[in-house]
Structure formats: structure tokens, C-alpha cells
Amino acid sequence: MKSNKLMSVIVIVIIVAVVAGGGYYAYHYETTGKLKVSAADTPTGLSGVMDVNVTFSAIALHSDKASSNSTGWTNYSLHDKTVNIMNLTASDAAFLSNLSVHAGSYNMMKIYISNVSVYIEAGFLGFTSSTSVSLHLAHAFALVVFVHPLTVAAHTTTSMVTDFNLSNNIHMSSKTFNMSASVVIN
């Protein structure tokens, strides 16, 4: 008799776990879409600079339904993805991540960058040999305000390219990197 009660309890627990897991999966599937994030540089012809390696660490999206700018942010890790964005255009942008995000509209984005390393050719800024220089970040993130909200629909993939204009962002004389970007949404 005790064995039957124990088996009944175990079966009920298993059924509840399966139903709850299935419900969570269905909810997540029905309310999320994919955001394909890539990075590029408007071709600039930065003389003396051969590579610009940028380490992207995270992205935060702000819901346009939030009541203020201080609330409504959701963070997504990029797991420190380093890419050479020098002279990449929107059509050949470097892939950063496919993020699973809640379906909805977003009006702002923060792009977190943990490191910028520039490879300089010999003779530029007085360097006698080609060398790599780490730049100091002027800010912890680049804030991008969307002119038109970025909309991610459930069950779809929205592609977004962050386009950095390196000629405006890199200041070799002070070894700083000001982050600003425009966004192309497909």
C-alpha cells in the first residue's frame, strides 16, 4: 500500500514537471525572436592604421514601452567577441551573435566594448616599427538611439549591423576611442 502511494506521488511529480517544462518552452517560443547582431566600419581610409580589433562584451536593449530611460533595459552577453572591424561594410559585417530576445519594440541600445586594440604601421605617429596600441575607452558603452524603433517579432530573425565610423571614433594622438555607431536594420 505504501509502495502504491509513493509511486502515485512520483508519477504526479513527474507529470507536473513535464507540464511546467512544456508550458515554459511554449511561452518562451511564442514570445521570443532572434536578433542577429553584426559590426562594421564605414570605410574611412585611416592612414597608418592597419587593424582595429574591438572586443564586444554585451548589448543592452531598451524597451520603448518602458516608463523611463532608467528602467526597461535588458542585457545580453556577447561573451567577449573580438573582431577586426577595419573597413568592413554593412554588406560584409562581422557576425557578433544571434540573440534570443523578447518580441517587442526597442528604442535604444547600449553597446559595451571591453577593449580596443589598433595595429599601427611603422612610421605612423613616430613609431619605428609596426606595433599594437591599446586605446582607452572614453565611455563604458556606446548609446544608440533608434530613429525608428527596432522591432523584433516572435519566430523571426531581425538583422542589425552596428556601423562604427572609425575616423570619427579613434583619436590616436590621445590614444582614446569614443564610441558612436549608427545602426542598419534589415
N, C-alpha and C. Protein backbone atom coordinates (compact mmCIF):
# COMPACT_ATOMS: atom_id res chain seq x y z
N MET A 1 0.81 -1.19 0.00
CA MET A 1 0.00 0.00 0.00
C MET A 1 0.86 1.25 0.00
N LYS A 2 1.91 1.28 0.87
CA LYS A 2 2.79 2.43 0.92
C LYS A 2 3.53 2.59 -0.40
N SER A 3 3.85 1.47 -1.02
CA SER A 3 4.57 1.49 -2.29
C SER A 3 3.70 2.12 -3.38
N ASN A 4 2.40 1.83 -3.38
CA ASN A 4 1.49 2.40 -4.36
C ASN A 4 1.36 3.90 -4.17
N LYS A 5 1.27 4.36 -2.90
CA LYS A 5 1.18 5.80 -2.63
C LYS A 5 2.44 6.52 -3.08
N LEU A 6 3.60 5.93 -2.80
CA LEU A 6 4.87 6.52 -3.20
C LEU A 6 4.95 6.61 -4.73
N MET A 7 4.54 5.56 -5.42
CA MET A 7 4.54 5.57 -6.89
C MET A 7 3.59 6.63 -7.42
N SER A 8 2.45 6.79 -6.79
CA SER A 8 1.48 7.80 -7.22
C SER A 8 2.06 9.20 -7.06
N VAL A 9 2.73 9.44 -5.95
CA VAL A 9 3.35 10.75 -5.72
C VAL A 9 4.45 11.00 -6.76
N ILE A 10 5.25 10.02 -7.04
CA ILE A 10 6.33 10.16 -8.02
C ILE A 10 5.75 10.45 -9.40
N VAL A 11 4.71 9.75 -9.79
CA VAL A 11 4.07 9.96 -11.09
C VAL A 11 3.49 11.37 -11.17
N ILE A 12 2.85 11.83 -10.11
CA ILE A 12 2.28 13.18 -10.09
C ILE A 12 3.38 14.23 -10.22
N VAL A 13 4.49 14.05 -9.50
CA VAL A 13 5.61 14.99 -9.58
C VAL A 13 6.16 15.02 -11.00
N ILE A 14 6.32 13.88 -11.62
CA ILE A 14 6.84 13.81 -12.99
C ILE A 14 5.88 14.51 -13.96
N ILE A 15 4.59 14.27 -13.81
CA ILE A 15 3.60 14.91 -14.69
C ILE A 15 3.63 16.42 -14.52
N VAL A 16 3.69 16.90 -13.29
CA VAL A 16 3.74 18.34 -13.04
C VAL A 16 5.00 18.95 -13.66
N ALA A 17 6.14 18.26 -13.50
CA ALA A 17 7.39 18.76 -14.07
C ALA A 17 7.33 18.83 -15.59
N VAL A 18 6.77 17.82 -16.23
CA VAL A 18 6.66 17.80 -17.69
C VAL A 18 5.72 18.90 -18.18
N VAL A 19 4.59 19.07 -17.52
CA VAL A 19 3.64 20.12 -17.91
C VAL A 19 4.25 21.50 -17.72
N ALA A 20 4.90 21.72 -16.60
CA ALA A 20 5.54 23.02 -16.34
C ALA A 20 6.65 23.29 -17.35
N GLY A 21 7.48 22.30 -17.62
CA GLY A 21 8.55 22.47 -18.61
C GLY A 21 8.01 22.75 -19.99
N GLY A 22 6.98 22.03 -20.38
CA GLY A 22 6.34 22.25 -21.68
C GLY A 22 5.70 23.62 -21.76
N GLY A 23 5.08 24.05 -20.69
CA GLY A 23 4.47 25.39 -20.66
C GLY A 23 5.50 26.48 -20.78
N TYR A 24 6.62 26.32 -20.07
CA TYR A 24 7.69 27.33 -20.16
C TYR A 24 8.25 27.37 -21.57
N TYR A 25 8.49 26.21 -22.17
CA TYR A 25 9.02 26.16 -23.53
C TYR A 25 8.06 26.84 -24.51
N ALA A 26 6.77 26.54 -24.39
CA ALA A 26 5.78 27.14 -25.28
C ALA A 26 5.73 28.65 -25.09
N TYR A 27 5.75 29.12 -23.84
CA TYR A 27 5.75 30.57 -23.57
C TYR A 27 6.98 31.23 -24.17
N HIS A 28 8.15 30.64 -23.92
CA HIS A 28 9.40 31.21 -24.44
C HIS A 28 9.39 31.22 -25.97
N TYR A 29 8.94 30.14 -26.58
CA TYR A 29 8.90 30.05 -28.03
C TYR A 29 7.93 31.07 -28.62
N GLU A 30 6.80 31.26 -27.98
CA GLU A 30 5.79 32.17 -28.50
C GLU A 30 6.11 33.64 -28.29
N THR A 31 7.04 33.96 -27.39
CA THR A 31 7.28 35.37 -27.06
C THR A 31 8.69 35.84 -27.39
N THR A 32 9.47 35.07 -28.15
CA THR A 32 10.82 35.50 -28.48
C THR A 32 11.07 35.45 -29.98
N GLY A 33 12.03 36.25 -30.37
CA GLY A 33 12.53 36.26 -31.74
C GLY A 33 14.04 36.31 -31.68
N LYS A 34 14.68 36.27 -32.80
CA LYS A 34 16.14 36.33 -32.87
C LYS A 34 16.57 37.70 -33.36
N LEU A 35 17.65 38.20 -32.77
CA LEU A 35 18.27 39.44 -33.22
C LEU A 35 19.69 39.09 -33.62
N LYS A 36 19.96 39.13 -34.92
CA LYS A 36 21.30 38.85 -35.45
C LYS A 36 22.07 40.15 -35.42
N VAL A 37 23.13 40.19 -34.60
CA VAL A 37 23.91 41.42 -34.40
C VAL A 37 25.26 41.28 -35.10
N SER A 38 25.61 42.28 -35.90
CA SER A 38 26.89 42.31 -36.60
C SER A 38 27.51 43.70 -36.44
N ALA A 39 28.82 43.80 -36.72
CA ALA A 39 29.52 45.08 -36.60
C ALA A 39 30.29 45.37 -37.88
N ALA A 40 30.36 46.66 -38.21
CA ALA A 40 31.07 47.10 -39.40
C ALA A 40 31.69 48.46 -39.14
N ASP A 41 32.46 48.92 -40.12
CA ASP A 41 33.08 50.24 -40.08
C ASP A 41 32.81 50.89 -41.42
N THR A 42 32.37 52.13 -41.39
CA THR A 42 32.27 52.87 -42.63
C THR A 42 33.69 53.01 -43.16
N PRO A 43 33.98 52.51 -44.38
CA PRO A 43 35.36 52.61 -44.88
C PRO A 43 35.86 54.05 -44.82
N THR A 44 37.00 54.21 -44.18
CA THR A 44 37.47 55.56 -43.87
C THR A 44 38.81 55.91 -44.46
N GLY A 45 39.66 54.92 -44.68
CA GLY A 45 41.00 55.22 -45.13
C GLY A 45 41.83 55.86 -44.04
N LEU A 46 41.71 55.36 -42.81
CA LEU A 46 42.55 55.85 -41.72
C LEU A 46 44.00 55.56 -42.08
N SER A 47 44.76 56.58 -42.37
CA SER A 47 46.15 56.34 -42.76
C SER A 47 46.97 55.91 -41.55
N GLY A 48 47.84 54.95 -41.76
CA GLY A 48 48.72 54.47 -40.71
C GLY A 48 48.12 53.40 -39.83
N VAL A 49 46.82 53.17 -39.92
CA VAL A 49 46.15 52.16 -39.11
C VAL A 49 45.85 50.95 -40.00
N MET A 50 46.30 49.78 -39.56
CA MET A 50 46.12 48.57 -40.36
C MET A 50 44.97 47.70 -39.88
N ASP A 51 44.80 47.56 -38.57
CA ASP A 51 43.72 46.76 -37.99
C ASP A 51 43.14 47.51 -36.80
N VAL A 52 41.84 47.33 -36.59
CA VAL A 52 41.17 47.84 -35.39
C VAL A 52 40.39 46.67 -34.80
N ASN A 53 40.96 46.07 -33.75
CA ASN A 53 40.34 44.92 -33.10
C ASN A 53 39.53 45.40 -31.90
N VAL A 54 38.24 45.16 -31.98
CA VAL A 54 37.31 45.61 -30.96
C VAL A 54 36.73 44.39 -30.25
N THR A 55 36.76 44.41 -28.92
CA THR A 55 36.17 43.33 -28.14
C THR A 55 34.81 43.80 -27.62
N PHE A 56 33.77 43.20 -28.17
CA PHE A 56 32.39 43.49 -27.77
C PHE A 56 32.03 42.55 -26.63
N SER A 57 31.54 43.09 -25.52
CA SER A 57 31.24 42.23 -24.38
C SER A 57 29.74 42.03 -24.13
N ALA A 58 28.93 43.03 -24.45
CA ALA A 58 27.50 42.90 -24.19
C ALA A 58 26.72 43.94 -24.98
N ILE A 59 25.43 43.70 -25.05
CA ILE A 59 24.49 44.65 -25.63
C ILE A 59 23.31 44.73 -24.67
N ALA A 60 22.80 45.93 -24.49
CA ALA A 60 21.58 46.10 -23.71
C ALA A 60 20.54 46.78 -24.60
N LEU A 61 19.33 46.27 -24.57
CA LEU A 61 18.23 46.85 -25.35
C LEU A 61 17.23 47.48 -24.40
N HIS A 62 16.69 48.62 -24.82
CA HIS A 62 15.71 49.34 -24.02
C HIS A 62 14.34 49.26 -24.68
N SER A 63 13.37 48.75 -23.95
CA SER A 63 12.01 48.64 -24.47
C SER A 63 11.40 50.02 -24.64
N ASP A 64 10.75 50.24 -25.78
CA ASP A 64 10.10 51.53 -25.97
C ASP A 64 8.80 51.64 -25.17
N LYS A 65 8.43 50.57 -24.49
CA LYS A 65 7.24 50.57 -23.61
C LYS A 65 7.61 50.97 -22.18
N ALA A 66 8.90 51.11 -21.87
CA ALA A 66 9.33 51.44 -20.51
C ALA A 66 8.94 52.87 -20.18
N SER A 67 8.67 53.10 -18.91
CA SER A 67 8.22 54.42 -18.48
C SER A 67 9.35 55.43 -18.35
N SER A 68 10.60 54.97 -18.27
CA SER A 68 11.72 55.91 -18.18
C SER A 68 12.97 55.28 -18.80
N ASN A 69 14.00 56.10 -18.96
CA ASN A 69 15.26 55.60 -19.53
C ASN A 69 16.04 54.76 -18.54
N SER A 70 15.74 54.88 -17.25
CA SER A 70 16.49 54.12 -16.25
C SER A 70 15.93 52.71 -16.05
N THR A 71 14.71 52.48 -16.50
CA THR A 71 14.13 51.14 -16.43
C THR A 71 13.90 50.63 -17.85
N GLY A 72 13.64 49.38 -17.99
CA GLY A 72 13.32 48.83 -19.30
C GLY A 72 14.50 48.27 -20.06
N TRP A 73 15.68 48.18 -19.42
CA TRP A 73 16.87 47.65 -20.08
C TRP A 73 16.99 46.15 -19.86
N THR A 74 17.34 45.42 -20.90
CA THR A 74 17.64 44.00 -20.81
C THR A 74 19.03 43.78 -21.39
N ASN A 75 19.89 43.12 -20.62
CA ASN A 75 21.28 42.89 -21.03
C ASN A 75 21.44 41.52 -21.70
N TYR A 76 22.30 41.48 -22.72
CA TYR A 76 22.61 40.25 -23.44
C TYR A 76 24.12 40.16 -23.58
N SER A 77 24.70 39.04 -23.16
CA SER A 77 26.15 38.86 -23.23
C SER A 77 26.58 38.48 -24.64
N LEU A 78 27.72 39.00 -25.04
CA LEU A 78 28.33 38.61 -26.32
C LEU A 78 29.57 37.75 -26.09
N HIS A 79 29.85 37.43 -24.84
CA HIS A 79 30.97 36.55 -24.47
C HIS A 79 32.30 37.03 -25.03
N ASP A 80 32.56 38.34 -24.91
CA ASP A 80 33.82 38.94 -25.36
C ASP A 80 34.23 38.50 -26.75
N LYS A 81 33.45 38.91 -27.71
CA LYS A 81 33.71 38.60 -29.13
C LYS A 81 34.61 39.69 -29.71
N THR A 82 35.82 39.31 -30.15
CA THR A 82 36.77 40.26 -30.72
C THR A 82 36.79 40.13 -32.23
N VAL A 83 36.63 41.26 -32.91
CA VAL A 83 36.65 41.27 -34.37
C VAL A 83 37.46 42.47 -34.87
N ASN A 84 38.08 42.30 -36.02
CA ASN A 84 38.76 43.41 -36.70
C ASN A 84 37.71 44.06 -37.59
N ILE A 85 37.23 45.25 -37.19
CA ILE A 85 36.15 45.89 -37.94
C ILE A 85 36.66 46.86 -39.00
N MET A 86 37.96 46.97 -39.14
CA MET A 86 38.55 47.90 -40.10
C MET A 86 38.04 47.62 -41.51
N ASN A 87 37.39 48.61 -42.10
CA ASN A 87 36.91 48.58 -43.48
C ASN A 87 35.86 47.53 -43.78
N LEU A 88 35.17 47.03 -42.78
CA LEU A 88 34.04 46.15 -43.03
C LEU A 88 32.81 47.01 -43.33
N THR A 89 32.10 46.67 -44.38
CA THR A 89 30.89 47.41 -44.72
C THR A 89 29.67 46.67 -44.19
N ALA A 90 28.52 47.29 -44.29
CA ALA A 90 27.29 46.65 -43.81
C ALA A 90 27.01 45.34 -44.55
N SER A 91 27.45 45.24 -45.79
CA SER A 91 27.19 44.02 -46.56
C SER A 91 28.15 42.88 -46.21
N ASP A 92 29.30 43.19 -45.59
CA ASP A 92 30.23 42.12 -45.17
C ASP A 92 30.60 42.27 -43.70
N ALA A 93 29.65 42.68 -42.90
CA ALA A 93 29.87 42.94 -41.47
C ALA A 93 30.26 41.67 -40.72
N ALA A 94 30.99 41.87 -39.61
CA ALA A 94 31.42 40.76 -38.77
C ALA A 94 30.27 40.33 -37.86
N PHE A 95 29.93 39.05 -37.90
CA PHE A 95 28.86 38.50 -37.07
C PHE A 95 29.29 38.49 -35.60
N LEU A 96 28.44 39.01 -34.73
CA LEU A 96 28.71 39.00 -33.29
C LEU A 96 27.92 37.92 -32.57
N SER A 97 26.60 37.88 -32.80
CA SER A 97 25.79 36.91 -32.08
C SER A 97 24.37 36.87 -32.62
N ASN A 98 23.71 35.75 -32.42
CA ASN A 98 22.27 35.61 -32.62
C ASN A 98 21.65 35.60 -31.23
N LEU A 99 21.02 36.68 -30.85
CA LEU A 99 20.45 36.80 -29.51
C LEU A 99 18.99 36.40 -29.53
N SER A 100 18.57 35.68 -28.52
CA SER A 100 17.17 35.36 -28.33
C SER A 100 16.58 36.45 -27.44
N VAL A 101 15.73 37.30 -28.03
CA VAL A 101 15.20 38.46 -27.30
C VAL A 101 13.67 38.38 -27.27
N HIS A 102 13.11 39.04 -26.28
CA HIS A 102 11.65 39.11 -26.20
C HIS A 102 11.12 39.89 -27.39
N ALA A 103 10.07 39.39 -27.98
CA ALA A 103 9.44 40.09 -29.10
C ALA A 103 8.93 41.43 -28.59
N GLY A 104 9.17 42.48 -29.37
CA GLY A 104 8.72 43.80 -28.99
C GLY A 104 9.49 44.87 -29.74
N SER A 105 9.26 46.11 -29.32
CA SER A 105 9.93 47.26 -29.93
C SER A 105 10.94 47.85 -28.96
N TYR A 106 12.07 48.26 -29.50
CA TYR A 106 13.16 48.82 -28.71
C TYR A 106 13.55 50.17 -29.29
N ASN A 107 13.80 51.15 -28.41
CA ASN A 107 14.14 52.49 -28.89
C ASN A 107 15.58 52.91 -28.62
N MET A 108 16.32 52.14 -27.82
CA MET A 108 17.72 52.46 -27.55
C MET A 108 18.51 51.17 -27.37
N MET A 109 19.83 51.31 -27.55
CA MET A 109 20.72 50.17 -27.37
C MET A 109 22.03 50.69 -26.79
N LYS A 110 22.61 49.92 -25.86
CA LYS A 110 23.95 50.18 -25.35
C LYS A 110 24.85 49.08 -25.90
N ILE A 111 25.99 49.47 -26.46
CA ILE A 111 26.97 48.51 -26.96
C ILE A 111 28.18 48.61 -26.04
N TYR A 112 28.42 47.54 -25.28
CA TYR A 112 29.54 47.52 -24.34
C TYR A 112 30.79 46.97 -25.03
N ILE A 113 31.88 47.71 -24.93
CA ILE A 113 33.16 47.33 -25.53
C ILE A 113 34.18 47.27 -24.41
N SER A 114 34.87 46.13 -24.29
CA SER A 114 35.83 45.98 -23.20
C SER A 114 37.26 46.30 -23.62
N ASN A 115 37.55 46.29 -24.93
CA ASN A 115 38.92 46.56 -25.35
C ASN A 115 38.95 46.99 -26.81
N VAL A 116 39.86 47.91 -27.11
CA VAL A 116 40.12 48.31 -28.50
C VAL A 116 41.63 48.30 -28.68
N SER A 117 42.07 47.53 -29.66
CA SER A 117 43.50 47.43 -29.96
C SER A 117 43.70 47.79 -31.43
N VAL A 118 44.61 48.74 -31.67
CA VAL A 118 44.86 49.22 -33.03
C VAL A 118 46.27 48.81 -33.44
N TYR A 119 46.38 48.21 -34.63
CA TYR A 119 47.68 47.83 -35.17
C TYR A 119 48.13 48.94 -36.11
N ILE A 120 49.27 49.55 -35.77
CA ILE A 120 49.78 50.73 -36.48
C ILE A 120 51.01 50.34 -37.28
N GLU A 121 51.10 50.87 -38.50
CA GLU A 121 52.26 50.57 -39.34
C GLU A 121 53.44 51.46 -38.95
N ALA A 122 54.63 50.99 -39.25
CA ALA A 122 55.86 51.72 -38.94
C ALA A 122 55.84 53.10 -39.60
N GLY A 123 56.33 54.08 -38.89
CA GLY A 123 56.39 55.44 -39.42
C GLY A 123 55.22 56.31 -39.02
N PHE A 124 54.10 55.70 -38.63
CA PHE A 124 52.93 56.48 -38.23
C PHE A 124 53.08 56.93 -36.78
N LEU A 125 52.84 58.18 -36.52
CA LEU A 125 52.96 58.79 -35.18
C LEU A 125 54.34 58.58 -34.56
N GLY A 126 55.36 58.43 -35.40
CA GLY A 126 56.72 58.30 -34.90
C GLY A 126 57.13 56.91 -34.48
N PHE A 127 56.27 55.89 -34.68
CA PHE A 127 56.65 54.53 -34.34
C PHE A 127 57.68 54.03 -35.35
N THR A 128 58.77 53.44 -34.86
CA THR A 128 59.82 52.95 -35.74
C THR A 128 59.52 51.58 -36.31
N SER A 129 58.61 50.85 -35.71
CA SER A 129 58.19 49.56 -36.24
C SER A 129 56.69 49.42 -36.05
N SER A 130 56.11 48.49 -36.80
CA SER A 130 54.68 48.24 -36.66
C SER A 130 54.41 47.76 -35.24
N THR A 131 53.34 48.26 -34.66
CA THR A 131 53.06 47.93 -33.26
C THR A 131 51.56 47.94 -33.00
N SER A 132 51.18 47.31 -31.92
CA SER A 132 49.79 47.28 -31.48
C SER A 132 49.63 48.22 -30.29
N VAL A 133 48.61 49.06 -30.34
CA VAL A 133 48.36 50.04 -29.28
C VAL A 133 46.97 49.80 -28.73
N SER A 134 46.85 49.68 -27.41
CA SER A 134 45.53 49.59 -26.77
C SER A 134 45.02 50.99 -26.51
N LEU A 135 43.79 51.22 -26.89
CA LEU A 135 43.19 52.54 -26.69
C LEU A 135 42.38 52.56 -25.40
N HIS A 136 42.30 53.72 -24.80
CA HIS A 136 41.47 53.92 -23.61
C HIS A 136 40.07 54.26 -24.07
N LEU A 137 39.09 53.62 -23.49
CA LEU A 137 37.71 53.89 -23.85
C LEU A 137 37.23 55.15 -23.14
N ALA A 138 36.66 56.06 -23.90
CA ALA A 138 36.16 57.30 -23.33
C ALA A 138 34.91 57.05 -22.48
N HIS A 139 34.14 56.02 -22.81
CA HIS A 139 32.91 55.69 -22.09
C HIS A 139 32.80 54.17 -21.99
N ALA A 140 32.00 53.70 -21.05
CA ALA A 140 31.83 52.25 -20.87
C ALA A 140 31.01 51.62 -21.98
N PHE A 141 30.20 52.43 -22.66
CA PHE A 141 29.35 51.89 -23.72
C PHE A 141 29.01 52.99 -24.71
N ALA A 142 28.59 52.57 -25.88
CA ALA A 142 28.05 53.49 -26.88
C ALA A 142 26.53 53.43 -26.75
N LEU A 143 25.91 54.57 -26.67
CA LEU A 143 24.45 54.63 -26.61
C LEU A 143 23.94 54.96 -28.00
N VAL A 144 23.09 54.10 -28.51
CA VAL A 144 22.48 54.31 -29.82
C VAL A 144 21.00 54.52 -29.61
N VAL A 145 20.49 55.66 -30.08
CA VAL A 145 19.06 55.96 -30.02
C VAL A 145 18.50 55.71 -31.41
N PHE A 146 17.53 54.83 -31.52
CA PHE A 146 16.97 54.49 -32.82
C PHE A 146 16.02 55.59 -33.28
N VAL A 147 16.17 56.01 -34.52
CA VAL A 147 15.24 56.99 -35.11
C VAL A 147 13.86 56.36 -35.22
N HIS A 148 13.83 55.13 -35.69
CA HIS A 148 12.60 54.34 -35.73
C HIS A 148 12.83 53.13 -34.84
N PRO A 149 11.86 52.77 -34.03
CA PRO A 149 12.07 51.63 -33.12
C PRO A 149 12.50 50.37 -33.86
N LEU A 150 13.38 49.62 -33.21
CA LEU A 150 13.79 48.30 -33.68
C LEU A 150 12.72 47.33 -33.22
N THR A 151 12.11 46.62 -34.16
CA THR A 151 11.05 45.69 -33.80
C THR A 151 11.52 44.26 -34.06
N VAL A 152 11.40 43.43 -33.04
CA VAL A 152 11.71 42.02 -33.14
C VAL A 152 10.39 41.27 -32.96
N ALA A 153 10.03 40.50 -33.97
CA ALA A 153 8.78 39.74 -33.91
C ALA A 153 9.08 38.30 -33.47
N ALA A 154 8.10 37.69 -32.84
CA ALA A 154 8.24 36.29 -32.43
C ALA A 154 8.43 35.41 -33.66
N HIS A 155 9.26 34.40 -33.52
CA HIS A 155 9.51 33.39 -34.56
C HIS A 155 10.26 33.92 -35.77
N THR A 156 10.81 35.13 -35.72
CA THR A 156 11.54 35.68 -36.86
C THR A 156 12.94 36.09 -36.44
N THR A 157 13.76 36.38 -37.43
CA THR A 157 15.10 36.90 -37.17
C THR A 157 15.19 38.30 -37.77
N THR A 158 15.57 39.24 -36.94
CA THR A 158 15.82 40.61 -37.38
C THR A 158 17.33 40.81 -37.39
N SER A 159 17.86 41.32 -38.50
CA SER A 159 19.30 41.54 -38.61
C SER A 159 19.62 43.00 -38.37
N MET A 160 20.69 43.23 -37.60
CA MET A 160 21.10 44.59 -37.24
C MET A 160 22.62 44.69 -37.38
N VAL A 161 23.09 45.74 -38.06
CA VAL A 161 24.52 45.99 -38.20
C VAL A 161 24.84 47.31 -37.50
N THR A 162 25.74 47.25 -36.52
CA THR A 162 26.22 48.47 -35.89
C THR A 162 27.41 48.95 -36.70
N ASP A 163 27.32 50.16 -37.21
CA ASP A 163 28.32 50.70 -38.12
C ASP A 163 29.10 51.80 -37.40
N PHE A 164 30.36 51.49 -37.07
CA PHE A 164 31.22 52.45 -36.39
C PHE A 164 31.96 53.26 -37.45
N ASN A 165 32.03 54.54 -37.27
CA ASN A 165 32.80 55.41 -38.16
C ASN A 165 34.14 55.64 -37.48
N LEU A 166 35.11 54.78 -37.76
CA LEU A 166 36.38 54.81 -37.04
C LEU A 166 37.13 56.12 -37.18
N SER A 167 37.00 56.79 -38.32
CA SER A 167 37.73 58.05 -38.48
C SER A 167 37.24 59.09 -37.48
N ASN A 168 35.99 59.00 -37.05
CA ASN A 168 35.47 59.92 -36.03
C ASN A 168 35.68 59.40 -34.62
N ASN A 169 35.84 58.09 -34.45
CA ASN A 169 35.88 57.48 -33.13
C ASN A 169 37.29 57.28 -32.58
N ILE A 170 38.27 57.10 -33.45
CA ILE A 170 39.63 56.85 -32.98
C ILE A 170 40.42 58.16 -32.97
N HIS A 171 41.03 58.42 -31.83
CA HIS A 171 41.87 59.62 -31.67
C HIS A 171 43.25 59.15 -31.24
N MET A 172 44.11 58.94 -32.23
CA MET A 172 45.41 58.35 -31.96
C MET A 172 46.31 59.28 -31.14
N SER A 173 46.17 60.58 -31.27
CA SER A 173 47.05 61.49 -30.52
C SER A 173 46.84 61.36 -29.02
N SER A 174 45.63 61.09 -28.58
CA SER A 174 45.36 60.92 -27.15
C SER A 174 45.15 59.46 -26.78
N LYS A 175 45.24 58.56 -27.76
CA LYS A 175 45.03 57.12 -27.58
C LYS A 175 43.68 56.82 -26.91
N THR A 176 42.64 57.47 -27.43
CA THR A 176 41.29 57.22 -26.92
C THR A 176 40.38 56.74 -28.04
N PHE A 177 39.32 56.12 -27.64
CA PHE A 177 38.31 55.61 -28.57
C PHE A 177 36.97 56.10 -28.07
N ASN A 178 36.35 57.01 -28.80
CA ASN A 178 34.99 57.45 -28.49
C ASN A 178 34.05 56.55 -29.24
N MET A 179 33.11 55.98 -28.54
CA MET A 179 32.22 55.04 -29.19
C MET A 179 30.95 55.73 -29.68
N SER A 180 30.72 55.65 -30.94
CA SER A 180 29.45 56.04 -31.51
C SER A 180 29.21 55.14 -32.70
N ALA A 181 27.97 54.89 -32.97
CA ALA A 181 27.64 53.99 -34.06
C ALA A 181 26.28 54.33 -34.61
N SER A 182 26.08 54.01 -35.87
CA SER A 182 24.75 54.06 -36.44
C SER A 182 24.32 52.62 -36.65
N VAL A 183 23.05 52.41 -36.83
CA VAL A 183 22.52 51.05 -36.93
C VAL A 183 21.76 50.90 -38.23
N VAL A 184 22.04 49.81 -38.93
CA VAL A 184 21.31 49.44 -40.14
C VAL A 184 20.49 48.21 -39.78
N ILE A 185 19.18 48.28 -39.99
CA ILE A 185 18.29 47.18 -39.64
C ILE A 185 17.71 46.58 -40.91
N ASN A 186 17.82 45.27 -41.02
CA ASN A 186 17.27 44.56 -42.18
C ASN A 186 16.08 43.74 -41.76
